[in-house]
């Protein structure tokens, strides 16, 4: 199951339930990107050399969804709003 955010399909996901962190990355991601950005919400966004988003680290994801019904991810020129159903499916399959 993949998760799509702002038109980017993240094929891989891993949820750390203890830390409440969801890791998402695109197919072929090998770790250690060329550039990274911390969003105002405290999430991490990784880019490849061409500026394409290749990985996300979403912190306090379950708590934020339970509190507000959605997850906001802000990065330069893009605001991704993720319906809770997308994230909840990733959490369920990762458990």
PDB file of N, CA and C in Angstrom:
ATOM      1  N   UNK A   1       0.837  -1.172   0.000  1.00  0.00           N
ATOM      2  CA  UNK A   1       0.000   0.000   0.000  1.00  0.00           C
ATOM      3  C   UNK A   1       0.884   1.238   0.000  1.00  0.00           C
ATOM      4  N   UNK A   2       0.577   2.161  -0.846  1.00  0.00           N
ATOM      5  CA  UNK A   2       1.328   3.409  -0.896  1.00  0.00           C
ATOM      6  C   UNK A   2       0.491   4.538  -0.306  1.00  0.00           C
ATOM      7  N   UNK A   3       1.178   5.625   0.023  1.00  0.00           N
ATOM      8  CA  UNK A   3       0.532   6.830   0.542  1.00  0.00           C
ATOM      9  C   UNK A   3       0.880   7.955  -0.417  1.00  0.00           C
ATOM     10  N   UNK A   4      -0.120   8.710  -0.866  1.00  0.00           N
ATOM     11  CA  UNK A   4       0.115   9.823  -1.781  1.00  0.00           C
ATOM     12  C   UNK A   4      -0.113  11.135  -1.045  1.00  0.00           C
ATOM     13  N   UNK A   5       0.889  12.003  -1.102  1.00  0.00           N
ATOM     14  CA  UNK A   5       0.831  13.316  -0.466  1.00  0.00           C
ATOM     15  C   UNK A   5       1.300  14.342  -1.486  1.00  0.00           C
ATOM     16  N   UNK A   6       0.482  15.353  -1.724  1.00  0.00           N
ATOM     17  CA  UNK A   6       0.798  16.425  -2.678  1.00  0.00           C
ATOM     18  C   UNK A   6       1.222  15.856  -4.031  1.00  0.00           C
ATOM     19  N   UNK A   7       0.563  14.770  -4.456  1.00  0.00           N
ATOM     20  CA  UNK A   7       0.846  14.169  -5.748  1.00  0.00           C
ATOM     21  C   UNK A   7       2.078  13.280  -5.778  1.00  0.00           C
ATOM     22  N   UNK A   8       2.732  13.080  -4.650  1.00  0.00           N
ATOM     23  CA  UNK A   8       3.925  12.240  -4.576  1.00  0.00           C
ATOM     24  C   UNK A   8       3.529  10.902  -3.969  1.00  0.00           C
ATOM     25  N   UNK A   9       3.836   9.819  -4.675  1.00  0.00           N
ATOM     26  CA  UNK A   9       3.490   8.494  -4.179  1.00  0.00           C
ATOM     27  C   UNK A   9       4.666   7.917  -3.395  1.00  0.00           C
ATOM     28  N   UNK A  10       4.413   7.662  -2.112  1.00  0.00           N
ATOM     29  CA  UNK A  10       5.412   7.064  -1.231  1.00  0.00           C
ATOM     30  C   UNK A  10       5.064   5.581  -1.108  1.00  0.00           C
ATOM     31  N   UNK A  11       5.861   4.745  -1.761  1.00  0.00           N
ATOM     32  CA  UNK A  11       5.581   3.314  -1.798  1.00  0.00           C
ATOM     33  C   UNK A  11       5.973   2.602  -0.509  1.00  0.00           C
ATOM     34  N   UNK A  12       6.938   3.131   0.206  1.00  0.00           N
ATOM     35  CA  UNK A  12       7.452   2.475   1.400  1.00  0.00           C
ATOM     36  C   UNK A  12       7.108   3.266   2.649  1.00  0.00           C
ATOM     37  N   UNK A  13       6.769   2.538   3.702  1.00  0.00           N
ATOM     38  CA  UNK A  13       6.453   3.213   4.958  1.00  0.00           C
ATOM     39  C   UNK A  13       6.803   2.307   6.124  1.00  0.00           C
ATOM     40  N   UNK A  14       7.170   2.948   7.219  1.00  0.00           N
ATOM     41  CA  UNK A  14       7.458   2.238   8.458  1.00  0.00           C
ATOM     42  C   UNK A  14       7.003   3.127   9.606  1.00  0.00           C
ATOM     43  N   UNK A  15       6.238   2.561  10.518  1.00  0.00           N
ATOM     44  CA  UNK A  15       5.719   3.314  11.645  1.00  0.00           C
ATOM     45  C   UNK A  15       6.382   2.838  12.924  1.00  0.00           C
ATOM     46  N   UNK A  16       6.962   3.777  13.670  1.00  0.00           N
ATOM     47  CA  UNK A  16       7.521   3.511  14.992  1.00  0.00           C
ATOM     48  C   UNK A  16       6.459   3.917  16.002  1.00  0.00           C
ATOM     49  N   UNK A  17       5.720   2.929  16.496  1.00  0.00           N
ATOM     50  CA  UNK A  17       4.599   3.212  17.384  1.00  0.00           C
ATOM     51  C   UNK A  17       5.063   3.840  18.693  1.00  0.00           C
ATOM     52  N   UNK A  18       6.182   3.378  19.218  1.00  0.00           N
ATOM     53  CA  UNK A  18       6.681   3.905  20.496  1.00  0.00           C
ATOM     54  C   UNK A  18       6.997   5.402  20.390  1.00  0.00           C
ATOM     55  N   UNK A  19       7.633   5.799  19.311  1.00  0.00           N
ATOM     56  CA  UNK A  19       8.001   7.208  19.115  1.00  0.00           C
ATOM     57  C   UNK A  19       6.914   8.005  18.398  1.00  0.00           C
ATOM     58  N   UNK A  20       5.896   7.324  17.844  1.00  0.00           N
ATOM     59  CA  UNK A  20       4.831   7.949  17.057  1.00  0.00           C
ATOM     60  C   UNK A  20       5.411   8.712  15.864  1.00  0.00           C
ATOM     61  N   UNK A  21       6.254   8.001  15.109  1.00  0.00           N
ATOM     62  CA  UNK A  21       6.894   8.575  13.925  1.00  0.00           C
ATOM     63  C   UNK A  21       6.608   7.665  12.731  1.00  0.00           C
ATOM     64  N   UNK A  22       6.167   8.278  11.635  1.00  0.00           N
ATOM     65  CA  UNK A  22       5.916   7.557  10.395  1.00  0.00           C
ATOM     66  C   UNK A  22       6.968   7.961   9.371  1.00  0.00           C
ATOM     67  N   UNK A  23       7.682   6.970   8.848  1.00  0.00           N
ATOM     68  CA  UNK A  23       8.704   7.198   7.829  1.00  0.00           C
ATOM     69  C   UNK A  23       8.127   6.785   6.476  1.00  0.00           C
ATOM     70  N   UNK A  24       8.183   7.686   5.513  1.00  0.00           N
ATOM     71  CA  UNK A  24       7.693   7.426   4.164  1.00  0.00           C
ATOM     72  C   UNK A  24       8.810   7.698   3.175  1.00  0.00           C
ATOM     73  N   UNK A  25       8.920   6.863   2.137  1.00  0.00           N
ATOM     74  CA  UNK A  25       9.877   7.174   1.076  1.00  0.00           C
ATOM     75  C   UNK A  25       9.405   6.599  -0.246  1.00  0.00           C
ATOM     76  N   UNK A  26       9.957   7.138  -1.314  1.00  0.00           N
ATOM     77  CA  UNK A  26       9.591   6.722  -2.661  1.00  0.00           C
ATOM     78  C   UNK A  26      10.360   5.462  -3.033  1.00  0.00           C
ATOM     79  N   UNK A  27       9.872   4.782  -4.055  1.00  0.00           N
ATOM     80  CA  UNK A  27      10.540   3.591  -4.560  1.00  0.00           C
ATOM     81  C   UNK A  27      11.968   3.948  -4.978  1.00  0.00           C
ATOM     82  N   UNK A  28      12.917   3.132  -4.580  1.00  0.00           N
ATOM     83  CA  UNK A  28      14.310   3.357  -4.937  1.00  0.00           C
ATOM     84  C   UNK A  28      15.089   4.212  -3.962  1.00  0.00           C
ATOM     85  N   UNK A  29      14.435   4.705  -2.927  1.00  0.00           N
ATOM     86  CA  UNK A  29      15.117   5.529  -1.923  1.00  0.00           C
ATOM     87  C   UNK A  29      16.177   4.690  -1.215  1.00  0.00           C
ATOM     88  N   UNK A  30      17.392   5.231  -1.145  1.00  0.00           N
ATOM     89  CA  UNK A  30      18.497   4.490  -0.534  1.00  0.00           C
ATOM     90  C   UNK A  30      18.971   5.122   0.766  1.00  0.00           C
ATOM     91  N   UNK A  31      18.310   6.193   1.200  1.00  0.00           N
ATOM     92  CA  UNK A  31      18.709   6.872   2.434  1.00  0.00           C
ATOM     93  C   UNK A  31      19.778   7.913   2.174  1.00  0.00           C
ATOM     94  N   UNK A  32      19.871   8.844   3.084  1.00  0.00           N
ATOM     95  CA  UNK A  32      20.899   9.883   2.967  1.00  0.00           C
ATOM     96  C   UNK A  32      20.736  10.761   1.744  1.00  0.00           C
ATOM     97  N   UNK A  33      19.749  11.623   1.756  1.00  0.00           N
ATOM     98  CA  UNK A  33      19.472  12.465   0.585  1.00  0.00           C
ATOM     99  C   UNK A  33      20.446  13.634   0.476  1.00  0.00           C
ATOM    100  N   UNK A  34      20.388  14.285  -0.672  1.00  0.00           N
ATOM    101  CA  UNK A  34      21.260  15.428  -0.942  1.00  0.00           C
ATOM    102  C   UNK A  34      20.856  16.659  -0.140  1.00  0.00           C
ATOM    103  N   UNK A  35      19.578  16.774   0.203  1.00  0.00           N
ATOM    104  CA  UNK A  35      19.092  17.966   0.888  1.00  0.00           C
ATOM    105  C   UNK A  35      17.934  17.579   1.798  1.00  0.00           C
ATOM    106  N   UNK A  36      17.816  18.274   2.915  1.00  0.00           N
ATOM    107  CA  UNK A  36      16.725  17.998   3.849  1.00  0.00           C
ATOM    108  C   UNK A  36      16.177  19.318   4.372  1.00  0.00           C
ATOM    109  N   UNK A  37      14.926  19.281   4.803  1.00  0.00           N
ATOM    110  CA  UNK A  37      14.233  20.471   5.268  1.00  0.00           C
ATOM    111  C   UNK A  37      13.374  20.079   6.458  1.00  0.00           C
ATOM    112  N   UNK A  38      13.387  20.888   7.494  1.00  0.00           N
ATOM    113  CA  UNK A  38      12.498  20.684   8.637  1.00  0.00           C
ATOM    114  C   UNK A  38      11.304  21.615   8.473  1.00  0.00           C
ATOM    115  N   UNK A  39      10.107  21.051   8.499  1.00  0.00           N
ATOM    116  CA  UNK A  39       8.906  21.858   8.324  1.00  0.00           C
ATOM    117  C   UNK A  39       8.586  22.613   9.610  1.00  0.00           C
ATOM    118  N   UNK A  40       7.762  23.644   9.516  1.00  0.00           N
ATOM    119  CA  UNK A  40       7.344  24.366  10.720  1.00  0.00           C
ATOM    120  C   UNK A  40       6.628  23.461  11.732  1.00  0.00           C
ATOM    121  N   UNK A  41       6.034  22.366  11.253  1.00  0.00           N
ATOM    122  CA  UNK A  41       5.327  21.437  12.137  1.00  0.00           C
ATOM    123  C   UNK A  41       6.266  20.438  12.807  1.00  0.00           C
ATOM    124  N   UNK A  42       7.552  20.432  12.405  1.00  0.00           N
ATOM    125  CA  UNK A  42       8.530  19.532  13.000  1.00  0.00           C
ATOM    126  C   UNK A  42       8.771  18.254  12.218  1.00  0.00           C
ATOM    127  N   UNK A  43       8.222  18.143  11.019  1.00  0.00           N
ATOM    128  CA  UNK A  43       8.434  16.969  10.177  1.00  0.00           C
ATOM    129  C   UNK A  43       9.701  17.164   9.351  1.00  0.00           C
ATOM    130  N   UNK A  44      10.240  16.070   8.828  1.00  0.00           N
ATOM    131  CA  UNK A  44      11.417  16.138   7.971  1.00  0.00           C
ATOM    132  C   UNK A  44      11.066  15.803   6.537  1.00  0.00           C
ATOM    133  N   UNK A  45      11.623  16.566   5.597  1.00  0.00           N
ATOM    134  CA  UNK A  45      11.421  16.350   4.166  1.00  0.00           C
ATOM    135  C   UNK A  45      12.793  16.195   3.534  1.00  0.00           C
ATOM    136  N   UNK A  46      12.980  15.121   2.762  1.00  0.00           N
ATOM    137  CA  UNK A  46      14.247  14.904   2.069  1.00  0.00           C
ATOM    138  C   UNK A  46      14.039  15.022   0.564  1.00  0.00           C
ATOM    139  N   UNK A  47      15.032  15.617  -0.095  1.00  0.00           N
ATOM    140  CA  UNK A  47      14.997  15.847  -1.540  1.00  0.00           C
ATOM    141  C   UNK A  47      16.169  15.130  -2.204  1.00  0.00           C
ATOM    142  N   UNK A  48      15.997  14.783  -3.473  1.00  0.00           N
ATOM    143  CA  UNK A  48      17.130  14.274  -4.233  1.00  0.00           C
ATOM    144  C   UNK A  48      17.845  15.443  -4.907  1.00  0.00           C
ATOM    145  N   UNK A  49      18.852  15.151  -5.705  1.00  0.00           N
ATOM    146  CA  UNK A  49      19.657  16.194  -6.353  1.00  0.00           C
ATOM    147  C   UNK A  49      18.851  17.099  -7.269  1.00  0.00           C
ATOM    148  N   UNK A  50      17.749  16.585  -7.821  1.00  0.00           N
ATOM    149  CA  UNK A  50      16.928  17.383  -8.736  1.00  0.00           C
ATOM    150  C   UNK A  50      15.851  18.186  -8.012  1.00  0.00           C
ATOM    151  N   UNK A  51      15.785  18.064  -6.671  1.00  0.00           N
ATOM    152  CA  UNK A  51      14.801  18.810  -5.904  1.00  0.00           C
ATOM    153  C   UNK A  51      13.482  18.084  -5.707  1.00  0.00           C
ATOM    154  N   UNK A  52      13.427  16.822  -6.111  1.00  0.00           N
ATOM    155  CA  UNK A  52      12.213  16.017  -5.958  1.00  0.00           C
ATOM    156  C   UNK A  52      12.139  15.483  -4.527  1.00  0.00           C
ATOM    157  N   UNK A  53      10.963  15.574  -3.909  1.00  0.00           N
ATOM    158  CA  UNK A  53      10.772  15.031  -2.560  1.00  0.00           C
ATOM    159  C   UNK A  53      10.845  13.514  -2.645  1.00  0.00           C
ATOM    160  N   UNK A  54      11.725  12.916  -1.814  1.00  0.00           N
ATOM    161  CA  UNK A  54      11.905  11.466  -1.869  1.00  0.00           C
ATOM    162  C   UNK A  54      11.611  10.766  -0.541  1.00  0.00           C
ATOM    163  N   UNK A  55      11.542  11.534   0.560  1.00  0.00           N
ATOM    164  CA  UNK A  55      11.262  10.906   1.857  1.00  0.00           C
ATOM    165  C   UNK A  55      10.664  11.920   2.813  1.00  0.00           C
ATOM    166  N   UNK A  56       9.798  11.420   3.710  1.00  0.00           N
ATOM    167  CA  UNK A  56       9.203  12.231   4.766  1.00  0.00           C
ATOM    168  C   UNK A  56       9.370  11.501   6.091  1.00  0.00           C
ATOM    169  N   UNK A  57       9.627  12.261   7.139  1.00  0.00           N
ATOM    170  CA  UNK A  57       9.612  11.753   8.502  1.00  0.00           C
ATOM    171  C   UNK A  57       8.548  12.558   9.229  1.00  0.00           C
ATOM    172  N   UNK A  58       7.447  11.908   9.563  1.00  0.00           N
ATOM    173  CA  UNK A  58       6.301  12.585  10.166  1.00  0.00           C
ATOM    174  C   UNK A  58       6.263  12.255  11.652  1.00  0.00           C
ATOM    175  N   UNK A  59       6.408  13.281  12.491  1.00  0.00           N
ATOM    176  CA  UNK A  59       6.480  13.081  13.939  1.00  0.00           C
ATOM    177  C   UNK A  59       5.145  13.370  14.611  1.00  0.00           C
ATOM    178  N   UNK A  60       4.878  12.640  15.691  1.00  0.00           N
ATOM    179  CA  UNK A  60       3.620  12.761  16.445  1.00  0.00           C
ATOM    180  C   UNK A  60       2.403  12.567  15.550  1.00  0.00           C
ATOM    181  N   UNK A  61       2.532  11.715  14.569  1.00  0.00           N
ATOM    182  CA  UNK A  61       1.515  11.581  13.536  1.00  0.00           C
ATOM    183  C   UNK A  61       0.170  11.106  14.093  1.00  0.00           C
ATOM    184  N   UNK A  62       0.169  10.092  14.917  1.00  0.00           N
ATOM    185  CA  UNK A  62      -1.097   9.582  15.443  1.00  0.00           C
ATOM    186  C   UNK A  62      -1.755  10.600  16.368  1.00  0.00           C
ATOM    187  N   UNK A  63      -0.959  11.223  17.217  1.00  0.00           N
ATOM    188  CA  UNK A  63      -1.493  12.227  18.147  1.00  0.00           C
ATOM    189  C   UNK A  63      -2.087  13.410  17.388  1.00  0.00           C
ATOM    190  N   UNK A  64      -1.399  13.874  16.358  1.00  0.00           N
ATOM    191  CA  UNK A  64      -1.895  15.016  15.580  1.00  0.00           C
ATOM    192  C   UNK A  64      -3.200  14.682  14.870  1.00  0.00           C
ATOM    193  N   UNK A  65      -3.298  13.483  14.314  1.00  0.00           N
ATOM    194  CA  UNK A  65      -4.525  13.087  13.620  1.00  0.00           C
ATOM    195  C   UNK A  65      -5.674  12.958  14.607  1.00  0.00           C
ATOM    196  N   UNK A  66      -5.408  12.357  15.762  1.00  0.00           N
ATOM    197  CA  UNK A  66      -6.467  12.222  16.768  1.00  0.00           C
ATOM    198  C   UNK A  66      -6.947  13.578  17.259  1.00  0.00           C
ATOM    199  N   UNK A  67      -6.036  14.539  17.315  1.00  0.00           N
ATOM    200  CA  UNK A  67      -6.385  15.870  17.803  1.00  0.00           C
ATOM    201  C   UNK A  67      -7.091  16.720  16.756  1.00  0.00           C
ATOM    202  N   UNK A  68      -6.622  16.675  15.515  1.00  0.00           N
ATOM    203  CA  UNK A  68      -7.164  17.584  14.510  1.00  0.00           C
ATOM    204  C   UNK A  68      -7.831  16.948  13.312  1.00  0.00           C
ATOM    205  N   UNK A  69      -7.775  15.629  13.187  1.00  0.00           N
ATOM    206  CA  UNK A  69      -8.419  14.963  12.067  1.00  0.00           C
ATOM    207  C   UNK A  69      -7.638  14.967  10.774  1.00  0.00           C
ATOM    208  N   UNK A  70      -6.525  15.669  10.736  1.00  0.00           N
ATOM    209  CA  UNK A  70      -5.666  15.673   9.557  1.00  0.00           C
ATOM    210  C   UNK A  70      -4.251  16.022   9.976  1.00  0.00           C
ATOM    211  N   UNK A  71      -3.345  15.851   9.059  1.00  0.00           N
ATOM    212  CA  UNK A  71      -1.935  16.135   9.290  1.00  0.00           C
ATOM    213  C   UNK A  71      -1.511  17.206   8.300  1.00  0.00           C
ATOM    214  N   UNK A  72      -0.895  18.272   8.778  1.00  0.00           N
ATOM    215  CA  UNK A  72      -0.422  19.340   7.898  1.00  0.00           C
ATOM    216  C   UNK A  72       1.092  19.230   7.755  1.00  0.00           C
ATOM    217  N   UNK A  73       1.543  19.277   6.499  1.00  0.00           N
ATOM    218  CA  UNK A  73       2.967  19.213   6.194  1.00  0.00           C
ATOM    219  C   UNK A  73       3.280  20.396   5.285  1.00  0.00           C
ATOM    220  N   UNK A  74       4.074  21.324   5.761  1.00  0.00           N
ATOM    221  CA  UNK A  74       4.404  22.512   4.981  1.00  0.00           C
ATOM    222  C   UNK A  74       5.859  22.438   4.541  1.00  0.00           C
ATOM    223  N   UNK A  75       6.089  22.560   3.243  1.00  0.00           N
ATOM    224  CA  UNK A  75       7.454  22.713   2.757  1.00  0.00           C
ATOM    225  C   UNK A  75       7.432  23.746   1.655  1.00  0.00           C
ATOM    226  N   UNK A  76       8.586  24.257   1.236  1.00  0.00           N
ATOM    227  CA  UNK A  76       8.597  25.363   0.278  1.00  0.00           C
ATOM    228  C   UNK A  76       7.661  25.138  -0.906  1.00  0.00           C
ATOM    229  N   UNK A  77       6.759  26.097  -1.100  1.00  0.00           N
ATOM    230  CA  UNK A  77       5.816  26.145  -2.211  1.00  0.00           C
ATOM    231  C   UNK A  77       4.755  25.066  -2.190  1.00  0.00           C
ATOM    232  N   UNK A  78       4.706  24.224  -1.164  1.00  0.00           N
ATOM    233  CA  UNK A  78       3.707  23.160  -1.123  1.00  0.00           C
ATOM    234  C   UNK A  78       3.181  23.029   0.291  1.00  0.00           C
ATOM    235  N   UNK A  79       1.893  22.878   0.409  1.00  0.00           N
ATOM    236  CA  UNK A  79       1.292  22.486   1.674  1.00  0.00           C
ATOM    237  C   UNK A  79       0.517  21.214   1.392  1.00  0.00           C
ATOM    238  N   UNK A  80       0.911  20.139   2.028  1.00  0.00           N
ATOM    239  CA  UNK A  80       0.219  18.870   1.841  1.00  0.00           C
ATOM    240  C   UNK A  80      -0.708  18.609   3.016  1.00  0.00           C
ATOM    241  N   UNK A  81      -1.962  18.399   2.738  1.00  0.00           N
ATOM    242  CA  UNK A  81      -2.902  18.007   3.791  1.00  0.00           C
ATOM    243  C   UNK A  81      -3.268  16.554   3.527  1.00  0.00           C
ATOM    244  N   UNK A  82      -3.043  15.748   4.517  1.00  0.00           N
ATOM    245  CA  UNK A  82      -3.207  14.320   4.360  1.00  0.00           C
ATOM    246  C   UNK A  82      -4.464  13.870   5.083  1.00  0.00           C
ATOM    247  N   UNK A  83      -5.425  13.314   4.362  1.00  0.00           N
ATOM    248  CA  UNK A  83      -6.609  12.796   5.039  1.00  0.00           C
ATOM    249  C   UNK A  83      -6.200  11.709   6.031  1.00  0.00           C
ATOM    250  N   UNK A  84      -6.844  11.687   7.160  1.00  0.00           N
ATOM    251  CA  UNK A  84      -6.472  10.725   8.198  1.00  0.00           C
ATOM    252  C   UNK A  84      -6.580   9.292   7.703  1.00  0.00           C
ATOM    253  N   UNK A  85      -7.485   9.014   6.773  1.00  0.00           N
ATOM    254  CA  UNK A  85      -7.642   7.648   6.280  1.00  0.00           C
ATOM    255  C   UNK A  85      -6.367   7.149   5.607  1.00  0.00           C
ATOM    256  N   UNK A  86      -5.657   8.013   4.896  1.00  0.00           N
ATOM    257  CA  UNK A  86      -4.395   7.635   4.252  1.00  0.00           C
ATOM    258  C   UNK A  86      -3.374   7.212   5.288  1.00  0.00           C
ATOM    259  N   UNK A  87      -3.206   8.028   6.327  1.00  0.00           N
ATOM    260  CA  UNK A  87      -2.182   7.765   7.329  1.00  0.00           C
ATOM    261  C   UNK A  87      -2.573   6.582   8.199  1.00  0.00           C
ATOM    262  N   UNK A  88      -3.837   6.479   8.566  1.00  0.00           N
ATOM    263  CA  UNK A  88      -4.286   5.384   9.422  1.00  0.00           C
ATOM    264  C   UNK A  88      -4.053   4.039   8.741  1.00  0.00           C
ATOM    265  N   UNK A  89      -4.264   3.960   7.430  1.00  0.00           N
ATOM    266  CA  UNK A  89      -3.989   2.705   6.710  1.00  0.00           C
ATOM    267  C   UNK A  89      -2.516   2.343   6.795  1.00  0.00           C
ATOM    268  N   UNK A  90      -1.630   3.340   6.675  1.00  0.00           N
ATOM    269  CA  UNK A  90      -0.191   3.073   6.776  1.00  0.00           C
ATOM    270  C   UNK A  90       0.170   2.611   8.173  1.00  0.00           C
ATOM    271  N   UNK A  91      -0.440   3.210   9.183  1.00  0.00           N
ATOM    272  CA  UNK A  91      -0.167   2.801  10.565  1.00  0.00           C
ATOM    273  C   UNK A  91      -0.637   1.367  10.799  1.00  0.00           C
ATOM    274  N   UNK A  92      -1.785   1.046  10.289  1.00  0.00           N
ATOM    275  CA  UNK A  92      -2.362  -0.290  10.501  1.00  0.00           C
ATOM    276  C   UNK A  92      -1.535  -1.367   9.821  1.00  0.00           C
ATOM    277  N   UNK A  93      -1.082  -1.121   8.600  1.00  0.00           N
ATOM    278  CA  UNK A  93      -0.315  -2.133   7.895  1.00  0.00           C
ATOM    279  C   UNK A  93       1.098  -2.258   8.434  1.00  0.00           C
ATOM    280  N   UNK A  94       1.611  -1.210   9.060  1.00  0.00           N
ATOM    281  CA  UNK A  94       2.968  -1.257   9.619  1.00  0.00           C
ATOM    282  C   UNK A  94       2.997  -1.984  10.950  1.00  0.00           C
ATOM    283  N   UNK A  95       1.866  -2.070  11.620  1.00  0.00           N
ATOM    284  CA  UNK A  95       1.832  -2.688  12.958  1.00  0.00           C
ATOM    285  C   UNK A  95       1.910  -4.195  12.885  1.00  0.00           C
TER     286      UNK A  95
END
